[in-house]
Amino acid sequence: MPSLLRIGAVAAVALAPTGAQDEPGFPTPWGIGSCHIHGRSVEDFERWIPPMAEIGLRFQRSVASSWGAVNPEPGRWDWANVDAQLDYLEDRGLRSGALLIGSPGWHETVKPGTLPVDDLDGWSEYVFRTVKHLSSRVRWFEVWNEPPNFTGKDQTPEDYAKVVAAAYRAAKRADPDCRVGLAAKSVHVNYLEQVIRSGAEDHFDWISLHPYEVMDGIVAEQGMEPVFLHIVPTVRKMLAAVNPAKREVPILFTELGCDVGRHGAEAQARATVKAYTMAIAQGVACVQWFEGRDGDSGPLGLLDREGTPRPAVGALTRLIEALGPRPEPIGRVTFEDRHHGFVFKGVEGPVMVVWASGGRETTIRFDQEVKVLGTIDGTRSRKREIPLDGQPLILSGLPEAVLDEARANRDRPVSWGGDFSEADEVSITFGEKIKEQGLHTRAGDAVAEAVVAYGGSARAGGVPGGNLFVVDPNFLCYESVPIEITAEVRRNEANDNAGFKLVYESRDGFKTNGGWVTVPDNQRWHTITWRIDDPCFVNYWGYNFTLNSDGNEFNKYYIRRVSVKRLDR
């Protein structure tokens, strides 16, 4: 394929030979993945891998290593395709992991799309042979793809734990130095906990997550950066509670992406830079963006269906050129308690990646001129006063005082309008001026401010996302402590019958607290209170609780204030 890009720093991101197995951790954070139709063969790779190598991406999620692909019929093992794929990637400077997944079509007891719990011996043989064959070239093995997706309808965390434990034992027999990954869809930390408690304890070396829903709050500029930045700390908190020996295992995002059809190509470019920046800043070992080229999952690619680069290609190239092959975070600087600048040791010295959070434009100021590079438009300038919008900027030549501040903030709580880590209560009040005190909605405050009812004292319950609430993770995240949620509501002007039920995150998934609540009337504001004894807020789908109505009930009531109080303080 002819070169699609001019990459000035490809040599700078070159890694050690791809077969080398002596890296201290994951070899690079700069990864990429593909859908099924772009990952079956070398011919599939030829359609999109060359421009990924030019960008500076150095790790591909998996070769075609499923059980059925390498064991096409009983007793026959075929490694030719996998070996050819690895040869192709290595020739272009990329390493690869391998998915351990699936059941062969010839299998009599394991149905396609189910965990192979009915033949753990056969599954173990597949894992052993695969890891043994690939041991000199592949170290990172991922057990299944985002469970409980792609498992049987009635299969449980216990079933996945059995598959993980069997895979771990077989893989370690084949290659004691291999790394076995425990996986979950979205940010389903509660599912991971159930799997670990059900038999996977100590049977994994790293964790895979796919934080699409949280990422969507970044793409839509809903100010969800603090939730994204809290993914790794939340997982570590869970591991400390249920499997302390594995508390510090690497965490990888083996899928996340942005739907260009929904959001547009420029929004995808912004999201790509933000995702890699915030993931690396919080210690994610590798981001494997989904995907390289549009395929069978919709318009998600860095390249479109014809192979034409989208703006994300140039944006990601600029980021990699600035940060280098193995970026080292220095810390974080926060502006106006909301906008975060992420500081790294760059290729030519410290650099900051910064943008305006939540769709709120602002201006930041320094006591000296700094170099400014627009990741999307590629513009370069030198300024003391720098306007910020949703485009991530790369700043260099930073004052020493800024670097000192970044270092000091590295381990401090991420501010989301303030520090609520020691608060007894968080709340959100709607009206002409939205007052967020540690509680937020997925509608985003910019949308909330645009929808005002009852003379500026409330918002309509039907505002998109307005019924999805997110607690500042520094206030409450993962701990299951008793809380009290309170909502002030009233019916609309027509006094239509209206109501809802409270649905919240728990360790057992989303649960309903009590039954249906009917809003009494529109004569005054009514206070409704729920006590919850078993919350477990981890932002699995990017929110913690919702006031859930049927049909068009959302349009029949208004919300003035919602609060969450910890009863253990």
Protein backbone atom coordinates (compact mmCIF):
# COMPACT_ATOMS: atom_id res chain seq x y z
CA MET A 1 0.00 0.00 0.00
CA PRO A 2 1.41 3.46 -0.84
CA SER A 3 2.26 5.74 2.02
CA LEU A 4 -0.77 7.72 3.21
CA LEU A 5 1.05 9.96 5.65
CA ARG A 6 4.21 11.86 6.27
CA ILE A 7 5.37 10.69 9.66
CA GLY A 8 8.33 12.60 10.97
CA ALA A 9 9.06 10.45 14.02
CA VAL A 10 8.55 6.86 12.95
CA ALA A 11 12.14 6.04 13.77
CA ALA A 12 11.71 7.60 17.18
CA VAL A 13 8.96 5.16 18.15
CA ALA A 14 10.75 2.03 17.00
CA LEU A 15 10.81 -0.71 19.61
CA ALA A 16 13.13 -3.57 20.34
CA PRO A 17 12.80 -6.55 17.96
CA THR A 18 9.22 -7.78 18.14
CA GLY A 19 10.18 -11.25 19.25
CA ALA A 20 12.02 -9.94 22.30
CA GLN A 21 10.40 -10.99 25.58
CA ASP A 22 12.45 -8.98 28.07
CA GLU A 23 10.33 -5.83 28.39
CA PRO A 24 9.68 -4.86 32.04
CA GLY A 25 5.97 -4.30 31.41
CA PHE A 26 3.69 -3.93 28.46
CA PRO A 27 5.84 -3.02 25.45
CA THR A 28 3.91 0.10 24.40
CA PRO A 29 0.70 1.99 25.19
CA TRP A 30 0.14 2.70 21.49
CA GLY A 31 -2.13 -0.12 20.32
CA ILE A 32 -4.86 -0.79 17.76
CA GLY A 33 -7.44 -3.50 17.09
CA SER A 34 -9.72 -4.70 14.34
CA CYS A 35 -13.10 -6.25 13.74
CA HIS A 36 -13.45 -9.81 12.46
CA ILE A 37 -13.26 -9.07 8.73
CA HIS A 38 -10.00 -7.14 9.09
CA GLY A 39 -8.22 -9.70 11.27
CA ARG A 40 -8.64 -13.10 9.61
CA SER A 41 -5.50 -13.20 7.46
CA VAL A 42 -2.49 -11.35 6.08
CA GLU A 43 -4.70 -10.22 3.21
CA ASP A 44 -6.98 -8.55 5.75
CA PHE A 45 -4.03 -6.90 7.47
CA GLU A 46 -2.77 -5.49 4.17
CA ARG A 47 -5.84 -3.27 3.96
CA TRP A 48 -5.01 -1.26 7.09
CA ILE A 49 -1.87 -2.22 9.00
CA PRO A 50 0.66 -0.18 6.93
CA PRO A 51 -0.85 3.22 7.80
CA MET A 52 -1.16 2.14 11.44
CA ALA A 53 2.58 1.48 11.48
CA GLU A 54 3.19 4.91 9.96
CA ILE A 55 1.13 6.59 12.68
CA GLY A 56 3.42 4.99 15.27
CA LEU A 57 1.07 2.33 16.63
CA ARG A 58 3.09 -0.66 17.78
CA PHE A 59 0.74 -3.28 19.17
CA GLN A 60 -2.13 -5.14 17.49
CA ARG A 61 -4.71 -6.76 19.73
CA SER A 62 -4.80 -10.30 18.31
CA VAL A 63 -4.03 -12.57 15.45
CA ALA A 64 -6.61 -15.14 14.29
CA SER A 65 -6.02 -17.44 17.27
CA SER A 66 -9.52 -18.65 18.13
CA TRP A 67 -10.02 -22.34 18.89
CA GLY A 68 -11.76 -23.04 15.60
CA ALA A 69 -9.17 -21.11 13.58
CA VAL A 70 -6.17 -23.14 14.80
CA ASN A 71 -7.99 -26.44 15.33
CA PRO A 72 -10.23 -26.67 12.24
CA GLU A 73 -11.04 -30.36 12.64
CA PRO A 74 -10.53 -33.00 15.37
CA GLY A 75 -6.87 -33.82 15.83
CA ARG A 76 -5.57 -31.28 13.28
CA TRP A 77 -3.76 -28.16 14.38
CA ASP A 78 -2.93 -25.53 11.76
CA TRP A 79 -0.60 -22.65 12.62
CA ALA A 80 0.26 -21.44 9.11
CA ASN A 81 -2.14 -18.49 9.09
CA VAL A 82 -1.23 -17.30 12.61
CA ASP A 83 2.49 -17.54 11.81
CA ALA A 84 2.03 -15.61 8.57
CA GLN A 85 0.12 -12.86 10.39
CA LEU A 86 2.86 -12.54 13.00
CA ASP A 87 5.52 -12.41 10.29
CA TYR A 88 3.61 -9.63 8.57
CA LEU A 89 3.20 -7.59 11.76
CA GLU A 90 6.79 -8.06 12.88
CA ASP A 91 8.09 -6.95 9.48
CA ARG A 92 6.23 -3.68 10.05
CA GLY A 93 7.38 -3.14 13.62
CA LEU A 94 4.25 -4.32 15.43
CA ARG A 95 3.80 -6.91 18.15
CA SER A 96 0.58 -8.77 18.79
CA GLY A 97 -1.43 -10.37 21.54
CA ALA A 98 -3.72 -13.35 21.10
CA LEU A 99 -7.34 -13.91 22.05
CA LEU A 100 -8.15 -17.28 23.61
CA ILE A 101 -11.76 -17.69 22.60
CA GLY A 102 -14.39 -19.72 20.83
CA SER A 103 -15.32 -23.29 20.07
CA PRO A 104 -14.66 -25.14 16.80
CA GLY A 105 -17.62 -25.80 14.56
CA TRP A 106 -17.03 -29.53 14.73
CA HIS A 107 -17.39 -29.64 18.52
CA GLU A 108 -20.29 -31.84 19.65
CA THR A 109 -20.97 -30.42 23.14
CA VAL A 110 -19.82 -26.80 23.14
CA LYS A 111 -22.23 -24.57 21.24
CA PRO A 112 -20.92 -21.58 19.29
CA GLY A 113 -21.08 -18.39 21.33
CA THR A 114 -20.88 -20.13 24.69
CA LEU A 115 -18.14 -20.64 27.24
CA PRO A 116 -16.64 -24.15 26.87
CA VAL A 117 -17.48 -25.28 30.41
CA ASP A 118 -18.74 -28.62 29.06
CA ASP A 119 -15.27 -29.48 27.77
CA LEU A 120 -12.63 -27.88 29.94
CA ASP A 121 -10.16 -30.61 28.98
CA GLY A 122 -10.53 -29.75 25.30
CA TRP A 123 -10.36 -26.05 26.07
CA SER A 124 -7.19 -26.58 28.10
CA GLU A 125 -5.57 -28.52 25.29
CA TYR A 126 -6.36 -25.69 22.86
CA VAL A 127 -4.88 -23.11 25.23
CA PHE A 128 -1.78 -25.20 25.93
CA ARG A 129 -1.05 -25.81 22.25
CA THR A 130 -1.69 -22.19 21.29
CA VAL A 131 0.50 -20.68 23.99
CA LYS A 132 3.22 -23.27 23.41
CA HIS A 133 3.33 -22.56 19.70
CA LEU A 134 3.33 -18.78 20.13
CA SER A 135 5.54 -18.60 23.23
CA SER A 136 8.58 -17.18 21.45
CA ARG A 137 6.56 -14.42 19.78
CA VAL A 138 3.44 -13.64 21.85
CA ARG A 139 3.32 -13.02 25.58
CA TRP A 140 -0.09 -11.42 26.21
CA PHE A 141 -3.13 -13.71 26.01
CA GLU A 142 -6.70 -12.45 26.60
CA VAL A 143 -9.29 -14.98 27.78
CA TRP A 144 -12.49 -14.31 25.84
CA ASN A 145 -13.88 -11.08 24.45
CA GLU A 146 -15.75 -8.77 26.86
CA PRO A 147 -17.72 -11.30 28.92
CA PRO A 148 -20.54 -11.64 29.80
CA ASN A 149 -21.05 -10.68 26.14
CA PHE A 150 -20.55 -13.55 23.69
CA THR A 151 -21.31 -16.17 26.33
CA GLY A 152 -24.35 -18.40 26.74
CA LYS A 153 -27.59 -16.79 27.87
CA ASP A 154 -27.59 -18.57 31.21
CA GLN A 155 -23.84 -18.72 31.75
CA THR A 156 -22.60 -17.09 34.93
CA PRO A 157 -19.47 -15.45 36.37
CA GLU A 158 -18.76 -18.89 37.87
CA ASP A 159 -18.66 -20.36 34.36
CA TYR A 160 -16.24 -17.72 33.16
CA ALA A 161 -14.10 -18.28 36.27
CA LYS A 162 -13.82 -21.97 35.38
CA VAL A 163 -12.70 -21.11 31.85
CA VAL A 164 -10.19 -18.52 33.11
CA ALA A 165 -8.69 -20.85 35.73
CA ALA A 166 -8.35 -23.70 33.23
CA ALA A 167 -6.76 -21.36 30.68
CA TYR A 168 -4.32 -19.97 33.23
CA ARG A 169 -3.11 -23.41 34.32
CA ALA A 170 -2.73 -24.62 30.74
CA ALA A 171 -1.00 -21.44 29.58
CA LYS A 172 1.52 -21.47 32.43
CA ARG A 173 2.36 -25.11 31.70
CA ALA A 174 3.11 -24.11 28.13
CA ASP A 175 5.03 -20.93 28.96
CA PRO A 176 5.52 -19.82 32.59
CA ASP A 177 6.40 -16.31 31.37
CA CYS A 178 3.19 -15.71 29.43
CA ARG A 179 0.62 -13.18 30.71
CA VAL A 180 -3.03 -14.26 30.96
CA GLY A 181 -5.72 -11.58 30.86
CA LEU A 182 -9.04 -11.48 32.73
CA ALA A 183 -11.68 -9.59 30.73
CA ALA A 184 -15.02 -7.80 31.14
CA LYS A 185 -17.24 -5.69 28.94
CA SER A 186 -17.50 -1.92 29.43
CA VAL A 187 -16.20 -1.02 32.93
CA HIS A 188 -17.97 -3.95 34.55
CA VAL A 189 -15.85 -3.99 37.70
CA ASN A 190 -18.61 -5.75 39.63
CA TYR A 191 -18.59 -8.63 37.14
CA LEU A 192 -14.81 -8.94 37.51
CA GLU A 193 -15.25 -9.13 41.28
CA GLN A 194 -17.81 -11.91 40.94
CA VAL A 195 -15.50 -13.84 38.62
CA ILE A 196 -12.54 -13.51 40.98
CA ARG A 197 -14.61 -14.58 43.99
CA SER A 198 -15.96 -17.54 41.97
CA GLY A 199 -12.60 -19.19 41.28
CA ALA A 200 -10.42 -16.87 39.17
CA GLU A 201 -8.47 -15.55 42.16
CA ASP A 202 -4.72 -15.49 41.38
CA HIS A 203 -5.43 -16.94 37.92
CA PHE A 204 -4.71 -13.82 35.85
CA ASP A 205 -1.83 -11.45 35.16
CA TRP A 206 -3.67 -8.46 33.69
CA ILE A 207 -7.16 -7.08 33.13
CA SER A 208 -8.95 -6.06 29.94
CA LEU A 209 -11.78 -3.49 29.83
CA HIS A 210 -13.81 -1.83 27.04
CA PRO A 211 -14.96 1.56 28.41
CA TYR A 212 -17.15 2.62 25.48
CA GLU A 213 -19.96 4.08 27.57
CA VAL A 214 -17.68 6.24 29.69
CA MET A 215 -15.84 7.28 26.53
CA ASP A 216 -19.14 8.40 25.02
CA GLY A 217 -19.42 11.01 27.77
CA ILE A 218 -16.04 12.37 26.64
CA VAL A 219 -17.00 12.35 22.97
CA ALA A 220 -20.24 14.24 23.69
CA GLU A 221 -18.31 16.75 25.85
CA GLN A 222 -20.40 16.01 28.92
CA GLY A 223 -17.53 16.69 31.32
CA MET A 224 -16.98 13.01 32.11
CA GLU A 225 -13.19 13.21 32.27
CA PRO A 226 -13.06 12.56 36.06
CA VAL A 227 -15.06 9.33 35.59
CA PHE A 228 -12.74 8.16 32.81
CA LEU A 229 -9.70 9.06 34.92
CA HIS A 230 -11.05 6.98 37.80
CA ILE A 231 -11.31 3.67 35.91
CA VAL A 232 -7.90 2.34 36.95
CA PRO A 233 -8.21 3.48 40.59
CA THR A 234 -11.63 1.79 40.79
CA VAL A 235 -10.26 -1.51 39.50
CA ARG A 236 -7.32 -1.31 41.90
CA LYS A 237 -9.69 -0.64 44.80
CA MET A 238 -11.68 -3.75 43.87
CA LEU A 239 -8.54 -5.87 43.54
CA ALA A 240 -7.26 -4.68 46.91
CA ALA A 241 -10.49 -5.96 48.46
CA VAL A 242 -10.82 -9.34 46.75
CA ASN A 243 -7.39 -10.33 45.40
CA PRO A 244 -4.64 -8.16 46.99
CA ALA A 245 -1.81 -10.12 45.35
CA LYS A 246 -3.07 -8.88 41.98
CA ARG A 247 -3.73 -5.28 42.95
CA GLU A 248 -1.04 -3.83 40.66
CA VAL A 249 -1.56 -5.99 37.57
CA PRO A 250 -1.51 -4.13 34.24
CA ILE A 251 -4.86 -2.82 33.00
CA LEU A 252 -5.45 -2.62 29.26
CA PHE A 253 -8.23 -1.05 27.22
CA THR A 254 -8.35 -3.67 24.48
CA GLU A 255 -11.28 -1.87 22.87
CA LEU A 256 -12.76 1.58 22.94
CA GLY A 257 -13.73 3.91 20.14
CA CYS A 258 -16.01 6.55 18.68
CA ASP A 259 -18.85 6.10 16.20
CA VAL A 260 -18.24 8.59 13.39
CA GLY A 261 -21.79 8.11 12.15
CA ARG A 262 -23.16 9.45 15.44
CA HIS A 263 -20.58 12.04 16.33
CA GLY A 264 -18.64 13.02 13.21
CA ALA A 265 -15.01 12.66 12.14
CA GLU A 266 -13.66 15.65 14.05
CA ALA A 267 -15.27 14.48 17.29
CA GLN A 268 -13.61 11.10 16.72
CA ALA A 269 -10.23 12.80 16.28
CA ARG A 270 -10.65 14.72 19.52
CA ALA A 271 -11.81 11.58 21.32
CA THR A 272 -8.85 9.55 20.09
CA VAL A 273 -6.31 12.00 21.51
CA LYS A 274 -8.22 12.36 24.78
CA ALA A 275 -8.61 8.60 25.24
CA TYR A 276 -4.92 7.79 24.80
CA THR A 277 -3.87 10.83 26.89
CA MET A 278 -6.13 10.12 29.87
CA ALA A 279 -5.54 6.37 29.73
CA ILE A 280 -1.76 6.74 29.81
CA ALA A 281 -2.00 9.44 32.49
CA GLN A 282 -3.85 7.08 34.86
CA GLY A 283 -1.55 4.13 34.18
CA VAL A 284 -3.31 2.10 31.50
CA ALA A 285 -0.66 -0.17 30.00
CA CYS A 286 -2.01 -0.15 26.44
CA VAL A 287 -4.92 1.35 24.53
CA GLN A 288 -6.05 -0.70 21.55
CA TRP A 289 -8.36 1.69 19.71
CA PHE A 290 -11.27 0.10 17.90
CA GLU A 291 -10.56 0.15 15.08
CA GLY A 292 -7.99 0.63 12.34
CA ARG A 293 -10.37 0.65 9.37
CA ASP A 294 -14.16 0.60 9.05
CA GLY A 295 -15.35 -3.00 8.93
CA ASP A 296 -18.27 -5.04 10.19
CA SER A 297 -18.95 -2.87 13.25
CA GLY A 298 -19.84 0.44 11.64
CA PRO A 299 -17.88 3.66 11.01
CA LEU A 300 -15.38 3.40 13.85
CA GLY A 301 -12.10 3.26 11.95
CA LEU A 302 -9.17 5.62 11.83
CA LEU A 303 -9.49 4.87 8.11
CA ASP A 304 -12.88 4.91 6.42
CA ARG A 305 -14.29 1.99 4.43
CA GLU A 306 -12.26 3.03 1.37
CA GLY A 307 -9.03 3.28 3.33
CA THR A 308 -8.96 7.09 3.42
CA PRO A 309 -7.49 8.52 6.65
CA ARG A 310 -9.86 10.40 8.91
CA PRO A 311 -8.68 13.45 10.94
CA ALA A 312 -7.92 11.12 13.85
CA VAL A 313 -4.92 9.80 11.94
CA GLY A 314 -3.12 13.15 11.90
CA ALA A 315 -4.17 13.91 15.47
CA LEU A 316 -2.88 10.62 16.86
CA THR A 317 0.32 10.95 14.85
CA ARG A 318 1.02 14.33 16.41
CA LEU A 319 0.36 12.97 19.90
CA ILE A 320 2.74 10.01 19.46
CA GLU A 321 5.43 12.22 17.97
CA ALA A 322 5.24 14.50 21.01
CA LEU A 323 4.98 11.86 23.75
CA GLY A 324 7.27 9.17 22.35
CA PRO A 325 7.07 5.36 22.38
CA ARG A 326 6.75 4.93 26.15
CA PRO A 327 5.28 8.12 27.62
CA GLU A 328 6.02 8.83 31.26
CA PRO A 329 3.38 10.88 33.12
CA ILE A 330 4.68 13.73 35.26
CA GLY A 331 1.38 14.85 36.71
CA ARG A 332 -1.66 17.04 36.18
CA VAL A 333 -2.55 20.73 36.31
CA THR A 334 -6.19 21.75 36.82
CA PHE A 335 -7.66 25.02 35.59
CA GLU A 336 -10.87 26.45 37.09
CA ASP A 337 -11.46 23.19 39.02
CA ARG A 338 -12.59 21.59 35.76
CA HIS A 339 -10.12 21.62 32.86
CA HIS A 340 -7.16 19.26 33.20
CA GLY A 341 -3.74 19.54 31.61
CA PHE A 342 -1.81 16.27 31.51
CA VAL A 343 1.96 16.64 31.67
CA PHE A 344 4.37 14.02 30.31
CA LYS A 345 8.07 13.65 29.71
CA GLY A 346 7.98 14.18 25.96
CA VAL A 347 10.48 13.40 23.22
CA GLU A 348 11.96 16.90 23.38
CA GLY A 349 11.13 17.76 26.99
CA PRO A 350 8.00 18.09 29.12
CA VAL A 351 4.72 18.60 27.26
CA MET A 352 1.15 19.23 28.37
CA VAL A 353 -1.95 17.90 26.60
CA VAL A 354 -4.94 20.08 27.49
CA TRP A 355 -8.50 20.90 26.34
CA ALA A 356 -11.68 22.49 27.67
CA SER A 357 -13.89 19.99 29.49
CA GLY A 358 -17.65 19.70 29.12
CA GLY A 359 -18.01 22.03 26.14
CA ARG A 360 -17.04 25.07 28.22
CA GLU A 361 -14.56 27.27 26.39
CA THR A 362 -12.02 29.15 28.48
CA THR A 363 -8.58 30.77 28.34
CA ILE A 364 -5.53 29.66 30.29
CA ARG A 365 -2.56 31.91 30.98
CA PHE A 366 1.15 31.42 31.65
CA ASP A 367 3.84 33.86 32.76
CA GLN A 368 5.86 33.17 29.62
CA GLU A 369 5.20 32.18 26.03
CA VAL A 370 4.76 28.47 25.38
CA LYS A 371 4.66 26.55 22.13
CA VAL A 372 1.16 25.48 21.08
CA LEU A 373 0.32 22.64 18.66
CA GLY A 374 -3.25 21.89 17.65
CA THR A 375 -3.67 18.11 17.48
CA ILE A 376 -6.57 18.31 15.02
CA ASP A 377 -5.74 21.27 12.80
CA GLY A 378 -1.94 21.00 13.12
CA THR A 379 -1.51 24.75 13.69
CA ARG A 380 1.57 25.95 15.56
CA SER A 381 2.01 29.16 17.54
CA ARG A 382 3.62 30.71 20.61
CA LYS A 383 1.34 32.29 23.22
CA ARG A 384 0.98 33.33 26.85
CA GLU A 385 -2.83 33.36 26.73
CA ILE A 386 -4.25 30.21 25.15
CA PRO A 387 -7.96 29.82 24.28
CA LEU A 388 -9.25 26.32 24.99
CA ASP A 389 -12.14 24.48 23.38
CA GLY A 390 -12.73 20.80 22.68
CA GLN A 391 -9.58 20.43 20.54
CA PRO A 392 -6.69 18.95 22.54
CA LEU A 393 -3.59 21.13 22.38
CA ILE A 394 0.01 20.07 22.98
CA LEU A 395 2.00 22.68 24.89
CA SER A 396 5.78 22.69 25.27
CA GLY A 397 8.31 25.06 26.76
CA LEU A 398 6.33 25.05 30.00
CA PRO A 399 7.35 27.20 32.99
CA GLU A 400 9.09 25.31 35.77
CA ALA A 401 6.35 26.36 38.21
CA VAL A 402 3.79 24.54 36.07
CA LEU A 403 5.89 21.38 36.14
CA ASP A 404 6.20 21.64 39.92
CA GLU A 405 2.42 21.97 40.21
CA ALA A 406 1.90 18.95 37.97
CA ARG A 407 4.20 16.83 40.09
CA ALA A 408 2.46 17.93 43.28
CA ASN A 409 -0.97 17.05 41.85
CA ARG A 410 -0.03 13.65 40.49
CA ASP A 411 -1.59 11.62 43.31
CA ARG A 412 -4.26 14.08 44.39
CA PRO A 413 -7.99 13.56 43.69
CA VAL A 414 -9.15 14.67 40.24
CA SER A 415 -11.24 17.80 40.72
CA TRP A 416 -14.74 17.80 39.26
CA GLY A 417 -15.85 21.25 40.30
CA GLY A 418 -14.10 20.78 43.63
CA ASP A 419 -12.79 18.05 45.93
CA PHE A 420 -15.65 16.03 47.43
CA SER A 421 -13.59 13.15 48.80
CA GLU A 422 -14.45 14.04 52.42
CA ALA A 423 -17.97 15.41 51.87
CA ASP A 424 -21.01 14.00 53.66
CA GLU A 425 -23.35 14.85 50.79
CA VAL A 426 -23.25 15.74 47.09
CA SER A 427 -26.02 17.39 45.11
CA ILE A 428 -27.17 19.01 41.90
CA THR A 429 -29.65 21.89 41.76
CA PHE A 430 -31.30 22.84 38.47
CA GLY A 431 -32.38 26.23 37.21
CA GLU A 432 -31.03 29.30 35.43
CA LYS A 433 -27.67 28.47 36.95
CA ILE A 434 -26.98 24.76 37.41
CA LYS A 435 -25.22 24.16 40.70
CA GLU A 436 -23.22 20.93 40.69
CA GLN A 437 -21.75 19.97 44.04
CA GLY A 438 -20.28 16.55 43.39
CA LEU A 439 -23.35 15.20 41.55
CA HIS A 440 -23.77 15.40 37.78
CA THR A 441 -26.03 14.20 34.97
CA ARG A 442 -25.16 12.55 31.70
CA ALA A 443 -27.02 15.32 29.88
CA GLY A 444 -24.04 17.58 30.53
CA ASP A 445 -24.36 20.89 32.31
CA ALA A 446 -24.44 22.84 29.03
CA VAL A 447 -27.58 20.98 27.97
CA ALA A 448 -29.07 21.27 31.45
CA GLU A 449 -28.68 25.04 31.47
CA ALA A 450 -30.50 25.30 28.14
CA VAL A 451 -33.65 23.61 29.45
CA VAL A 452 -35.31 25.61 32.17
CA ALA A 453 -38.83 25.16 33.54
CA TYR A 454 -40.98 26.77 36.22
CA GLY A 455 -39.38 30.17 35.88
CA GLY A 456 -35.83 28.92 36.21
CA SER A 457 -36.32 26.76 39.27
CA ALA A 458 -36.20 23.29 37.70
CA ARG A 459 -35.59 21.21 34.60
CA ALA A 460 -37.83 18.89 32.66
CA GLY A 461 -37.50 15.22 33.59
CA GLY A 462 -37.39 14.43 29.87
CA VAL A 463 -34.13 16.22 29.09
CA PRO A 464 -31.93 13.65 27.27
CA GLY A 465 -29.71 12.04 29.85
CA GLY A 466 -31.09 14.25 32.57
CA ASN A 467 -32.37 11.27 34.52
CA LEU A 468 -28.93 9.58 34.54
CA PHE A 469 -26.88 10.65 37.55
CA VAL A 470 -23.14 10.36 38.16
CA VAL A 471 -21.63 10.73 41.62
CA ASP A 472 -18.15 12.21 41.86
CA PRO A 473 -16.01 9.04 42.20
CA ASN A 474 -13.92 10.72 44.90
CA PHE A 475 -17.09 10.93 47.04
CA LEU A 476 -18.23 7.33 46.51
CA CYS A 477 -16.77 4.66 44.29
CA TYR A 478 -16.87 0.88 44.80
CA GLU A 479 -17.43 1.03 48.58
CA SER A 480 -20.78 -0.47 49.53
CA VAL A 481 -21.89 1.88 52.30
CA PRO A 482 -25.45 2.94 53.14
CA ILE A 483 -26.59 6.07 51.35
CA GLU A 484 -29.70 8.20 51.08
CA ILE A 485 -30.85 9.62 47.73
CA THR A 486 -33.32 12.50 47.77
CA ALA A 487 -35.17 14.11 44.85
CA GLU A 488 -37.35 17.23 44.83
CA VAL A 489 -40.00 16.87 42.11
CA ARG A 490 -43.43 18.08 41.01
CA ARG A 491 -45.80 17.39 38.13
CA ASN A 492 -45.97 19.61 35.07
CA GLU A 493 -48.38 22.52 34.55
CA ALA A 494 -51.10 20.20 33.23
CA ASN A 495 -50.86 18.10 36.39
CA ASP A 496 -50.40 14.94 34.28
CA ASN A 497 -49.98 11.71 36.18
CA ALA A 498 -46.25 11.08 36.45
CA GLY A 499 -43.76 8.87 38.24
CA PHE A 500 -40.60 6.81 38.12
CA LYS A 501 -38.56 4.17 39.88
CA LEU A 502 -35.01 4.46 41.21
CA VAL A 503 -32.50 2.09 39.59
CA TYR A 504 -28.94 1.99 40.94
CA GLU A 505 -25.62 0.16 40.60
CA SER A 506 -24.96 -2.66 43.05
CA ARG A 507 -22.48 -5.53 43.19
CA ASP A 508 -25.18 -7.70 41.58
CA GLY A 509 -25.75 -5.27 38.73
CA PHE A 510 -28.43 -2.60 38.38
CA LYS A 511 -31.25 -2.96 40.92
CA THR A 512 -34.55 -1.23 41.62
CA ASN A 513 -35.00 0.30 45.05
CA GLY A 514 -38.60 -0.18 46.07
CA GLY A 515 -41.36 0.17 43.53
CA TRP A 516 -42.97 2.82 41.40
CA VAL A 517 -43.17 6.31 42.89
CA THR A 518 -45.99 8.59 41.79
CA VAL A 519 -45.42 12.34 41.92
CA PRO A 520 -48.42 13.59 43.97
CA ASP A 521 -49.35 16.83 42.17
CA ASN A 522 -48.09 20.16 40.82
CA GLN A 523 -49.17 22.33 43.73
CA ARG A 524 -45.78 22.23 45.43
CA TRP A 525 -42.38 20.57 45.38
CA HIS A 526 -42.39 17.06 46.84
CA THR A 527 -39.36 15.45 48.48
CA ILE A 528 -38.86 11.73 47.83
CA THR A 529 -36.18 9.82 49.71
CA TRP A 530 -34.70 6.36 49.19
CA ARG A 531 -32.32 4.52 51.52
CA ILE A 532 -29.89 2.19 49.76
CA ASP A 533 -27.80 -0.23 51.81
CA ASP A 534 -25.91 -2.00 49.00
CA PRO A 535 -24.73 0.53 46.39
CA CYS A 536 -21.58 -0.23 44.44
CA PHE A 537 -20.95 2.70 42.12
CA VAL A 538 -18.34 1.84 39.47
CA ASN A 539 -19.79 3.59 36.37
CA TYR A 540 -20.25 0.29 34.55
CA TRP A 541 -22.39 2.07 31.91
CA GLY A 542 -21.08 5.53 32.67
CA TYR A 543 -23.62 6.43 35.36
CA ASN A 544 -24.58 5.35 38.90
CA PHE A 545 -28.33 5.69 39.23
CA THR A 546 -31.35 6.77 37.25
CA LEU A 547 -34.93 7.90 37.79
CA ASN A 548 -36.45 5.51 35.30
CA SER A 549 -39.88 6.20 33.79
CA ASP A 550 -41.99 4.38 31.22
CA GLY A 551 -43.08 5.87 27.92
CA ASN A 552 -43.34 9.67 27.98
CA GLU A 553 -43.47 10.01 31.77
CA PHE A 554 -40.26 12.07 31.58
CA ASN A 555 -42.20 14.97 30.07
CA LYS A 556 -44.77 15.01 32.88
CA TYR A 557 -42.66 16.08 35.84
CA TYR A 558 -39.85 18.42 36.82
CA ILE A 559 -36.79 17.97 39.01
CA ARG A 560 -35.46 20.80 41.16
CA ARG A 561 -32.76 19.11 43.20
CA VAL A 562 -31.20 15.68 43.71
CA SER A 563 -28.74 14.75 46.46
CA VAL A 564 -26.80 11.73 47.70
CA LYS A 565 -25.82 11.47 51.36
CA ARG A 566 -23.39 8.98 52.86
CA LEU A 567 -24.83 7.57 56.07
CA ASP A 568 -21.49 6.23 57.30
CA ARG A 569 -20.05 9.70 57.93
